[in-house]
C-alpha atoms as a PDB file:
ATOM      1  CA  HIS A   1      -4.794  28.486 -58.306  1.00  0.00           C
ATOM      2  CA  THR A   2      -1.543  29.229 -60.012  1.00  0.00           C
ATOM      3  CA  GLY A   3       0.754  27.662 -57.446  1.00  0.00           C
ATOM      4  CA  GLU A   4       2.622  31.011 -56.934  1.00  0.00           C
ATOM      5  CA  TYR A   5       3.761  31.958 -53.501  1.00  0.00           C
ATOM      6  CA  PRO A   6       4.810  35.727 -53.867  1.00  0.00           C
ATOM      7  CA  TYR A   7       5.259  36.748 -50.319  1.00  0.00           C
ATOM      8  CA  LYS A   8       8.659  35.814 -49.137  1.00  0.00           C
ATOM      9  CA  CYS A   9      10.260  35.927 -45.547  1.00  0.00           C
ATOM     10  CA  HIS A  10      13.452  37.801 -45.954  1.00  0.00           C
ATOM     11  CA  GLN A  11      14.709  36.163 -42.735  1.00  0.00           C
ATOM     12  CA  CYS A  12      14.074  32.288 -43.597  1.00  0.00           C
ATOM     13  CA  GLY A  13      13.085  32.192 -47.421  1.00  0.00           C
ATOM     14  CA  ARG A  14       9.783  30.727 -46.510  1.00  0.00           C
ATOM     15  CA  SER A  15       6.975  31.876 -48.976  1.00  0.00           C
ATOM     16  CA  PHE A  16       3.357  32.552 -48.352  1.00  0.00           C
ATOM     17  CA  LEU A  17       0.193  32.804 -50.626  1.00  0.00           C
ATOM     18  CA  LEU A  18      -1.162  35.925 -48.888  1.00  0.00           C
ATOM     19  CA  ARG A  19       0.721  38.733 -47.384  1.00  0.00           C
ATOM     20  CA  ARG A  20      -1.222  38.652 -44.287  1.00  0.00           C
ATOM     21  CA  LEU A  21       0.125  35.034 -43.593  1.00  0.00           C
ATOM     22  CA  LEU A  22       3.614  36.270 -44.181  1.00  0.00           C
ATOM     23  CA  GLU A  23       3.020  39.003 -41.362  1.00  0.00           C
ATOM     24  CA  VAL A  24       1.757  36.573 -39.002  1.00  0.00           C
ATOM     25  CA  HIS A  25       4.724  34.112 -39.570  1.00  0.00           C
ATOM     26  CA  GLN A  26       7.235  37.211 -39.196  1.00  0.00           C
ATOM     27  CA  LEU A  27       6.030  37.259 -35.436  1.00  0.00           C
ATOM     28  CA  VAL A  28       7.849  33.869 -34.717  1.00  0.00           C
ATOM     29  CA  HIS A  29      11.227  35.808 -35.683  1.00  0.00           C
ATOM     30  CA  LEU A  30      10.017  38.525 -33.039  1.00  0.00           C
ATOM     31  CA  GLY A  31       9.576  35.777 -30.397  1.00  0.00           C
ATOM     32  CA  ARG A  32       5.947  36.347 -30.378  1.00  0.00           C
ATOM     33  CA  GLN A  33       3.210  33.502 -30.936  1.00  0.00           C
ATOM     34  CA  PRO A  34       0.411  34.232 -33.104  1.00  0.00           C
ATOM     35  CA  GLN A  35      -3.387  33.977 -31.943  1.00  0.00           C
ATOM     36  CA  VAL A  36      -5.079  30.991 -33.772  1.00  0.00           C
ATOM     37  CA  CYS A  37      -8.726  30.352 -34.334  1.00  0.00           C
ATOM     38  CA  ALA A  38      -9.842  26.955 -33.075  1.00  0.00           C
ATOM     39  CA  GLY A  39     -12.469  26.712 -35.586  1.00  0.00           C
ATOM     40  CA  CYS A  40     -10.522  27.320 -38.832  1.00  0.00           C
ATOM     41  CA  GLY A  41      -6.917  27.615 -38.020  1.00  0.00           C
ATOM     42  CA  ALA A  42      -6.728  31.390 -38.972  1.00  0.00           C
ATOM     43  CA  ALA A  43      -3.669  33.217 -37.237  1.00  0.00           C
ATOM     44  CA  PHE A  44      -3.902  36.738 -36.150  1.00  0.00           C
ATOM     45  CA  ALA A  45      -1.076  38.862 -34.576  1.00  0.00           C
ATOM     46  CA  ASP A  46      -2.968  39.551 -31.226  1.00  0.00           C
ATOM     47  CA  SER A  47      -6.207  38.532 -29.444  1.00  0.00           C
ATOM     48  CA  LEU A  48      -8.033  41.390 -30.564  1.00  0.00           C
ATOM     49  CA  ARG A  49      -8.014  40.731 -33.863  1.00  0.00           C
ATOM     50  CA  LEU A  50      -8.776  36.878 -33.022  1.00  0.00           C
ATOM     51  CA  GLY A  51     -11.709  38.300 -31.158  1.00  0.00           C
ATOM     52  CA  GLN A  52     -13.042  40.231 -34.327  1.00  0.00           C
ATOM     53  CA  HIS A  53     -12.825  37.439 -36.482  1.00  0.00           C
ATOM     54  CA  ARG A  54     -15.751  35.553 -37.743  1.00  0.00           C
ATOM     55  CA  CYS A  55     -14.931  32.084 -38.415  1.00  0.00           C
ATOM     56  CA  GLY A  56     -16.554  31.021 -41.768  1.00  0.00           C
ATOM     57  CA  LYS A  57     -16.192  27.337 -41.426  1.00  0.00           C
ATOM     58  CA  GLY A  58     -19.912  27.001 -41.583  1.00  0.00           C
ATOM     59  CA  ASP A  59     -20.533  29.534 -44.341  1.00  0.00           C
ATOM     60  CA  ARG A  60     -19.821  28.078 -47.582  1.00  0.00           C
ATOM     61  CA  ARG A  61     -22.099  30.277 -49.774  1.00  0.00           C
ATOM     62  CA  PHE A  62     -19.352  30.997 -52.299  1.00  0.00           C
ATOM     63  CA  GLU A  63     -18.066  28.528 -54.563  1.00  0.00           C
ATOM     64  CA  CYS A  64     -14.521  28.757 -56.406  1.00  0.00           C
ATOM     65  CA  PRO A  65     -15.091  28.996 -60.391  1.00  0.00           C
ATOM     66  CA  VAL A  66     -12.180  27.038 -60.880  1.00  0.00           C
ATOM     67  CA  CYS A  67     -12.061  23.932 -58.614  1.00  0.00           C
ATOM     68  CA  GLY A  68     -15.723  24.201 -57.356  1.00  0.00           C
ATOM     69  CA  LYS A  69     -14.712  24.340 -53.697  1.00  0.00           C
ATOM     70  CA  ARG A  70     -16.988  26.147 -51.239  1.00  0.00           C
END
């Protein structure tokens, strides 16, 4: 909730909140398209990782202490 995007792409300058998002973004520069979960939009470098992903869209047990979102 600080508004910081500390992970910056050295090729195009775009910044990301999470290192994993930067890693997936960098696939674009390599000509590879990321695999995207249809349920929540999470992106993965390959179909194996997408297959292992458990979409947490329906599981909102944890609440953010700052903003109250689940």
